[in-house]
Amino acid sequence: MGFLAAGIGAGIITLGAGIGIGLIGKGAVESIARQPEASGDIRGAMILTAAFIEGVALFAAVVTAILALGISV
């Protein structure tokens, strides 16, 4: 059961992170198209937000690995 939960969790993690980063990129490109002079600030905020999403995805991946290995904490 733990392997099934880990597999489903890994899929959800991948989908969520991919969709989130895709939406960030879409919003950043649209924002830069509207205000090209603010491209540096927008790009910085986009990279920071993408890093936060990756951090949450990494944490969730560790949780799914713990489920798969059956380690009790």
PDB file of N, CA and C in Angstrom:
ATOM      1  N   MET A   1       0.821  -1.201   0.000  1.00  0.00           N
ATOM      2  CA  MET A   1       0.000   0.000   0.000  1.00  0.00           C
ATOM      3  C   MET A   1       0.863   1.264   0.000  1.00  0.00           C
ATOM      4  N   GLY A   2       2.000   1.183   0.668  1.00  0.00           N
ATOM      5  CA  GLY A   2       2.898   2.329   0.702  1.00  0.00           C
ATOM      6  C   GLY A   2       3.473   2.661  -0.664  1.00  0.00           C
ATOM      7  N   PHE A   3       3.763   1.609  -1.469  1.00  0.00           N
ATOM      8  CA  PHE A   3       4.283   1.851  -2.818  1.00  0.00           C
ATOM      9  C   PHE A   3       3.238   2.524  -3.689  1.00  0.00           C
ATOM     10  N   LEU A   4       1.987   2.117  -3.545  1.00  0.00           N
ATOM     11  CA  LEU A   4       0.906   2.733  -4.312  1.00  0.00           C
ATOM     12  C   LEU A   4       0.745   4.202  -3.920  1.00  0.00           C
ATOM     13  N   ALA A   5       0.751   4.468  -2.634  1.00  0.00           N
ATOM     14  CA  ALA A   5       0.627   5.845  -2.167  1.00  0.00           C
ATOM     15  C   ALA A   5       1.800   6.691  -2.644  1.00  0.00           C
ATOM     16  N   ALA A   6       3.002   6.113  -2.618  1.00  0.00           N
ATOM     17  CA  ALA A   6       4.180   6.853  -3.069  1.00  0.00           C
ATOM     18  C   ALA A   6       4.107   7.128  -4.567  1.00  0.00           C
ATOM     19  N   GLY A   7       3.654   6.174  -5.343  1.00  0.00           N
ATOM     20  CA  GLY A   7       3.528   6.374  -6.785  1.00  0.00           C
ATOM     21  C   GLY A   7       2.509   7.437  -7.138  1.00  0.00           C
ATOM     22  N   ILE A   8       1.361   7.385  -6.495  1.00  0.00           N
ATOM     23  CA  ILE A   8       0.329   8.397  -6.733  1.00  0.00           C
ATOM     24  C   ILE A   8       0.829   9.764  -6.268  1.00  0.00           C
ATOM     25  N   GLY A   9       1.486   9.784  -5.118  1.00  0.00           N
ATOM     26  CA  GLY A   9       2.019  11.045  -4.601  1.00  0.00           C
ATOM     27  C   GLY A   9       3.066  11.645  -5.523  1.00  0.00           C
ATOM     28  N   ALA A  10       3.940  10.817  -6.062  1.00  0.00           N
ATOM     29  CA  ALA A  10       4.968  11.323  -6.975  1.00  0.00           C
ATOM     30  C   ALA A  10       4.338  11.895  -8.242  1.00  0.00           C
ATOM     31  N   GLY A  11       3.289  11.261  -8.738  1.00  0.00           N
ATOM     32  CA  GLY A  11       2.592  11.780  -9.912  1.00  0.00           C
ATOM     33  C   GLY A  11       1.927  13.114  -9.639  1.00  0.00           C
ATOM     34  N   ILE A  12       1.288  13.224  -8.500  1.00  0.00           N
ATOM     35  CA  ILE A  12       0.623  14.477  -8.135  1.00  0.00           C
ATOM     36  C   ILE A  12       1.654  15.587  -7.927  1.00  0.00           C
ATOM     37  N   ILE A  13       2.786  15.244  -7.322  1.00  0.00           N
ATOM     38  CA  ILE A  13       3.857  16.222  -7.124  1.00  0.00           C
ATOM     39  C   ILE A  13       4.327  16.762  -8.467  1.00  0.00           C
ATOM     40  N   THR A  14       4.576  15.849  -9.401  1.00  0.00           N
ATOM     41  CA  THR A  14       5.082  16.253 -10.709  1.00  0.00           C
ATOM     42  C   THR A  14       4.080  17.130 -11.443  1.00  0.00           C
ATOM     43  N   LEU A  15       2.825  16.725 -11.431  1.00  0.00           N
ATOM     44  CA  LEU A  15       1.790  17.518 -12.090  1.00  0.00           C
ATOM     45  C   LEU A  15       1.652  18.901 -11.452  1.00  0.00           C
ATOM     46  N   GLY A  16       1.602  18.940 -10.152  1.00  0.00           N
ATOM     47  CA  GLY A  16       1.431  20.213  -9.463  1.00  0.00           C
ATOM     48  C   GLY A  16       2.581  21.170  -9.697  1.00  0.00           C
ATOM     49  N   ALA A  17       3.806  20.665  -9.597  1.00  0.00           N
ATOM     50  CA  ALA A  17       4.971  21.524  -9.811  1.00  0.00           C
ATOM     51  C   ALA A  17       5.037  21.988 -11.263  1.00  0.00           C
ATOM     52  N   GLY A  18       4.757  21.099 -12.188  1.00  0.00           N
ATOM     53  CA  GLY A  18       4.786  21.473 -13.602  1.00  0.00           C
ATOM     54  C   GLY A  18       3.750  22.521 -13.954  1.00  0.00           C
ATOM     55  N   ILE A  19       2.550  22.326 -13.468  1.00  0.00           N
ATOM     56  CA  ILE A  19       1.482  23.302 -13.732  1.00  0.00           C
ATOM     57  C   ILE A  19       1.807  24.639 -13.064  1.00  0.00           C
ATOM     58  N   GLY A  20       2.283  24.588 -11.835  1.00  0.00           N
ATOM     59  CA  GLY A  20       2.608  25.828 -11.121  1.00  0.00           C
ATOM     60  C   GLY A  20       3.697  26.626 -11.801  1.00  0.00           C
ATOM     61  N   ILE A  21       4.776  25.973 -12.194  1.00  0.00           N
ATOM     62  CA  ILE A  21       5.871  26.679 -12.850  1.00  0.00           C
ATOM     63  C   ILE A  21       5.439  27.156 -14.233  1.00  0.00           C
ATOM     64  N   GLY A  22       4.606  26.383 -14.909  1.00  0.00           N
ATOM     65  CA  GLY A  22       4.086  26.825 -16.201  1.00  0.00           C
ATOM     66  C   GLY A  22       3.249  28.086 -16.082  1.00  0.00           C
ATOM     67  N   LEU A  23       2.409  28.146 -15.068  1.00  0.00           N
ATOM     68  CA  LEU A  23       1.592  29.344 -14.860  1.00  0.00           C
ATOM     69  C   LEU A  23       2.448  30.553 -14.478  1.00  0.00           C
ATOM     70  N   ILE A  24       3.499  30.307 -13.710  1.00  0.00           N
ATOM     71  CA  ILE A  24       4.405  31.397 -13.360  1.00  0.00           C
ATOM     72  C   ILE A  24       5.067  31.946 -14.618  1.00  0.00           C
ATOM     73  N   GLY A  25       5.554  31.052 -15.465  1.00  0.00           N
ATOM     74  CA  GLY A  25       6.194  31.486 -16.700  1.00  0.00           C
ATOM     75  C   GLY A  25       5.239  32.239 -17.605  1.00  0.00           C
ATOM     76  N   LYS A  26       4.008  31.734 -17.708  1.00  0.00           N
ATOM     77  CA  LYS A  26       2.995  32.401 -18.533  1.00  0.00           C
ATOM     78  C   LYS A  26       2.733  33.815 -18.017  1.00  0.00           C
ATOM     79  N   GLY A  27       2.546  33.939 -16.718  1.00  0.00           N
ATOM     80  CA  GLY A  27       2.283  35.254 -16.133  1.00  0.00           C
ATOM     81  C   GLY A  27       3.456  36.205 -16.298  1.00  0.00           C
ATOM     82  N   ALA A  28       4.669  35.673 -16.161  1.00  0.00           N
ATOM     83  CA  ALA A  28       5.843  36.531 -16.297  1.00  0.00           C
ATOM     84  C   ALA A  28       5.990  37.033 -17.725  1.00  0.00           C
ATOM     85  N   VAL A  29       5.784  36.148 -18.687  1.00  0.00           N
ATOM     86  CA  VAL A  29       5.908  36.566 -20.085  1.00  0.00           C
ATOM     87  C   VAL A  29       4.840  37.607 -20.433  1.00  0.00           C
ATOM     88  N   GLU A  30       3.622  37.399 -19.961  1.00  0.00           N
ATOM     89  CA  GLU A  30       2.560  38.377 -20.216  1.00  0.00           C
ATOM     90  C   GLU A  30       2.873  39.719 -19.544  1.00  0.00           C
ATOM     91  N   SER A  31       3.407  39.661 -18.341  1.00  0.00           N
ATOM     92  CA  SER A  31       3.739  40.894 -17.630  1.00  0.00           C
ATOM     93  C   SER A  31       4.864  41.651 -18.317  1.00  0.00           C
ATOM     94  N   ILE A  32       5.878  40.917 -18.767  1.00  0.00           N
ATOM     95  CA  ILE A  32       6.992  41.558 -19.460  1.00  0.00           C
ATOM     96  C   ILE A  32       6.515  42.157 -20.779  1.00  0.00           C
ATOM     97  N   ALA A  33       5.574  41.482 -21.446  1.00  0.00           N
ATOM     98  CA  ALA A  33       5.045  42.025 -22.700  1.00  0.00           C
ATOM     99  C   ALA A  33       4.293  43.331 -22.463  1.00  0.00           C
ATOM    100  N   ARG A  34       3.639  43.452 -21.320  1.00  0.00           N
ATOM    101  CA  ARG A  34       2.896  44.682 -21.017  1.00  0.00           C
ATOM    102  C   ARG A  34       3.788  45.789 -20.510  1.00  0.00           C
ATOM    103  N   GLN A  35       4.811  45.429 -19.734  1.00  0.00           N
ATOM    104  CA  GLN A  35       5.729  46.429 -19.160  1.00  0.00           C
ATOM    105  C   GLN A  35       7.172  45.969 -19.350  1.00  0.00           C
ATOM    106  N   PRO A  36       7.733  46.187 -20.511  1.00  0.00           N
ATOM    107  CA  PRO A  36       9.108  45.716 -20.760  1.00  0.00           C
ATOM    108  C   PRO A  36      10.151  46.346 -19.834  1.00  0.00           C
ATOM    109  N   GLU A  37       9.892  47.544 -19.354  1.00  0.00           N
ATOM    110  CA  GLU A  37      10.873  48.200 -18.488  1.00  0.00           C
ATOM    111  C   GLU A  37      10.981  47.534 -17.115  1.00  0.00           C
ATOM    112  N   ALA A  38      10.009  46.735 -16.747  1.00  0.00           N
ATOM    113  CA  ALA A  38      10.029  46.044 -15.456  1.00  0.00           C
ATOM    114  C   ALA A  38      10.487  44.591 -15.590  1.00  0.00           C
ATOM    115  N   SER A  39      11.123  44.248 -16.691  1.00  0.00           N
ATOM    116  CA  SER A  39      11.453  42.842 -16.947  1.00  0.00           C
ATOM    117  C   SER A  39      12.417  42.269 -15.912  1.00  0.00           C
ATOM    118  N   GLY A  40      13.355  43.070 -15.431  1.00  0.00           N
ATOM    119  CA  GLY A  40      14.304  42.570 -14.432  1.00  0.00           C
ATOM    120  C   GLY A  40      13.625  42.186 -13.127  1.00  0.00           C
ATOM    121  N   ASP A  41      12.729  43.040 -12.649  1.00  0.00           N
ATOM    122  CA  ASP A  41      12.010  42.749 -11.408  1.00  0.00           C
ATOM    123  C   ASP A  41      11.090  41.547 -11.574  1.00  0.00           C
ATOM    124  N   ILE A  42      10.411  41.491 -12.707  1.00  0.00           N
ATOM    125  CA  ILE A  42       9.483  40.382 -12.963  1.00  0.00           C
ATOM    126  C   ILE A  42      10.249  39.071 -13.042  1.00  0.00           C
ATOM    127  N   ARG A  43      11.388  39.085 -13.754  1.00  0.00           N
ATOM    128  CA  ARG A  43      12.188  37.868 -13.896  1.00  0.00           C
ATOM    129  C   ARG A  43      12.694  37.391 -12.537  1.00  0.00           C
ATOM    130  N   GLY A  44      13.130  38.322 -11.696  1.00  0.00           N
ATOM    131  CA  GLY A  44      13.605  37.948 -10.364  1.00  0.00           C
ATOM    132  C   GLY A  44      12.517  37.329  -9.510  1.00  0.00           C
ATOM    133  N   ALA A  45      11.329  37.931  -9.559  1.00  0.00           N
ATOM    134  CA  ALA A  45      10.203  37.387  -8.791  1.00  0.00           C
ATOM    135  C   ALA A  45       9.793  36.023  -9.322  1.00  0.00           C
ATOM    136  N   MET A  46       9.866  35.838 -10.637  1.00  0.00           N
ATOM    137  CA  MET A  46       9.504  34.559 -11.241  1.00  0.00           C
ATOM    138  C   MET A  46      10.474  33.463 -10.797  1.00  0.00           C
ATOM    139  N   ILE A  47      11.753  33.756 -10.811  1.00  0.00           N
ATOM    140  CA  ILE A  47      12.750  32.754 -10.420  1.00  0.00           C
ATOM    141  C   ILE A  47      12.609  32.401  -8.948  1.00  0.00           C
ATOM    142  N   LEU A  48      12.368  33.394  -8.103  1.00  0.00           N
ATOM    143  CA  LEU A  48      12.196  33.142  -6.677  1.00  0.00           C
ATOM    144  C   LEU A  48      10.968  32.271  -6.412  1.00  0.00           C
ATOM    145  N   THR A  49       9.864  32.585  -7.066  1.00  0.00           N
ATOM    146  CA  THR A  49       8.643  31.809  -6.880  1.00  0.00           C
ATOM    147  C   THR A  49       8.813  30.389  -7.402  1.00  0.00           C
ATOM    148  N   ALA A  50       9.476  30.226  -8.530  1.00  0.00           N
ATOM    149  CA  ALA A  50       9.731  28.883  -9.063  1.00  0.00           C
ATOM    150  C   ALA A  50      10.606  28.077  -8.103  1.00  0.00           C
ATOM    151  N   ALA A  51      11.556  28.735  -7.466  1.00  0.00           N
ATOM    152  CA  ALA A  51      12.403  28.043  -6.487  1.00  0.00           C
ATOM    153  C   ALA A  51      11.591  27.586  -5.285  1.00  0.00           C
ATOM    154  N   PHE A  52      10.640  28.409  -4.845  1.00  0.00           N
ATOM    155  CA  PHE A  52       9.773  27.991  -3.738  1.00  0.00           C
ATOM    156  C   PHE A  52       8.926  26.784  -4.121  1.00  0.00           C
ATOM    157  N   ILE A  53       8.407  26.775  -5.340  1.00  0.00           N
ATOM    158  CA  ILE A  53       7.610  25.633  -5.792  1.00  0.00           C
ATOM    159  C   ILE A  53       8.477  24.377  -5.841  1.00  0.00           C
ATOM    160  N   GLU A  54       9.690  24.504  -6.341  1.00  0.00           N
ATOM    161  CA  GLU A  54      10.593  23.360  -6.395  1.00  0.00           C
ATOM    162  C   GLU A  54      10.923  22.861  -4.986  1.00  0.00           C
ATOM    163  N   GLY A  55      11.059  23.782  -4.040  1.00  0.00           N
ATOM    164  CA  GLY A  55      11.332  23.379  -2.657  1.00  0.00           C
ATOM    165  C   GLY A  55      10.189  22.581  -2.064  1.00  0.00           C
ATOM    166  N   VAL A  56       8.977  23.016  -2.313  1.00  0.00           N
ATOM    167  CA  VAL A  56       7.810  22.286  -1.813  1.00  0.00           C
ATOM    168  C   VAL A  56       7.717  20.927  -2.503  1.00  0.00           C
ATOM    169  N   ALA A  57       7.996  20.887  -3.806  1.00  0.00           N
ATOM    170  CA  ALA A  57       7.958  19.623  -4.539  1.00  0.00           C
ATOM    171  C   ALA A  57       9.025  18.663  -4.014  1.00  0.00           C
ATOM    172  N   LEU A  58      10.205  19.172  -3.692  1.00  0.00           N
ATOM    173  CA  LEU A  58      11.255  18.322  -3.136  1.00  0.00           C
ATOM    174  C   LEU A  58      10.847  17.774  -1.769  1.00  0.00           C
ATOM    175  N   PHE A  59      10.248  18.608  -0.940  1.00  0.00           N
ATOM    176  CA  PHE A  59       9.763  18.150   0.366  1.00  0.00           C
ATOM    177  C   PHE A  59       8.725  17.041   0.193  1.00  0.00           C
ATOM    178  N   ALA A  60       7.791  17.247  -0.740  1.00  0.00           N
ATOM    179  CA  ALA A  60       6.771  16.228  -0.979  1.00  0.00           C
ATOM    180  C   ALA A  60       7.384  14.948  -1.531  1.00  0.00           C
ATOM    181  N   ALA A  61       8.418  15.072  -2.352  1.00  0.00           N
ATOM    182  CA  ALA A  61       9.089  13.877  -2.874  1.00  0.00           C
ATOM    183  C   ALA A  61       9.773  13.099  -1.748  1.00  0.00           C
ATOM    184  N   VAL A  62      10.330  13.802  -0.787  1.00  0.00           N
ATOM    185  CA  VAL A  62      10.940  13.131   0.366  1.00  0.00           C
ATOM    186  C   VAL A  62       9.873  12.399   1.174  1.00  0.00           C
ATOM    187  N   VAL A  63       8.721  13.022   1.336  1.00  0.00           N
ATOM    188  CA  VAL A  63       7.623  12.379   2.060  1.00  0.00           C
ATOM    189  C   VAL A  63       7.180  11.114   1.339  1.00  0.00           C
ATOM    190  N   THR A  64       7.066  11.160   0.006  1.00  0.00           N
ATOM    191  CA  THR A  64       6.663   9.962  -0.734  1.00  0.00           C
ATOM    192  C   THR A  64       7.743   8.887  -0.646  1.00  0.00           C
ATOM    193  N   ALA A  65       9.012   9.263  -0.623  1.00  0.00           N
ATOM    194  CA  ALA A  65      10.084   8.278  -0.462  1.00  0.00           C
ATOM    195  C   ALA A  65       9.988   7.623   0.915  1.00  0.00           C
ATOM    196  N   ILE A  66       9.667   8.399   1.914  1.00  0.00           N
ATOM    197  CA  ILE A  66       9.505   7.842   3.262  1.00  0.00           C
ATOM    198  C   ILE A  66       8.337   6.861   3.269  1.00  0.00           C
ATOM    199  N   LEU A  67       7.255   7.210   2.582  1.00  0.00           N
ATOM    200  CA  LEU A  67       6.117   6.278   2.491  1.00  0.00           C
ATOM    201  C   LEU A  67       6.509   5.002   1.780  1.00  0.00           C
ATOM    202  N   ALA A  68       7.274   5.119   0.708  1.00  0.00           N
ATOM    203  CA  ALA A  68       7.665   3.946  -0.070  1.00  0.00           C
ATOM    204  C   ALA A  68       8.578   3.033   0.713  1.00  0.00           C
ATOM    205  N   LEU A  69       9.468   3.617   1.499  1.00  0.00           N
ATOM    206  CA  LEU A  69      10.407   2.808   2.269  1.00  0.00           C
ATOM    207  C   LEU A  69       9.813   2.306   3.571  1.00  0.00           C
ATOM    208  N   GLY A  70       8.713   2.869   3.974  1.00  0.00           N
ATOM    209  CA  GLY A  70       8.051   2.421   5.198  1.00  0.00           C
ATOM    210  C   GLY A  70       8.768   2.859   6.456  1.00  0.00           C
ATOM    211  N   ILE A  71       9.480   3.961   6.382  1.00  0.00           N
ATOM    212  CA  ILE A  71      10.193   4.479   7.549  1.00  0.00           C
ATOM    213  C   ILE A  71       9.212   5.180   8.455  1.00  0.00           C
ATOM    214  N   SER A  72       9.200   4.798   9.728  1.00  0.00           N
ATOM    215  CA  SER A  72       8.294   5.480  10.663  1.00  0.00           C
ATOM    216  C   SER A  72       9.082   6.564  11.398  1.00  0.00           C
ATOM    217  N   VAL A  73       8.432   7.704  11.526  1.00  0.00           N
ATOM    218  CA  VAL A  73       9.078   8.822  12.214  1.00  0.00           C
ATOM    219  C   VAL A  73       8.367   9.145  13.491  1.00  0.00           C
TER     220      VAL A  73
END
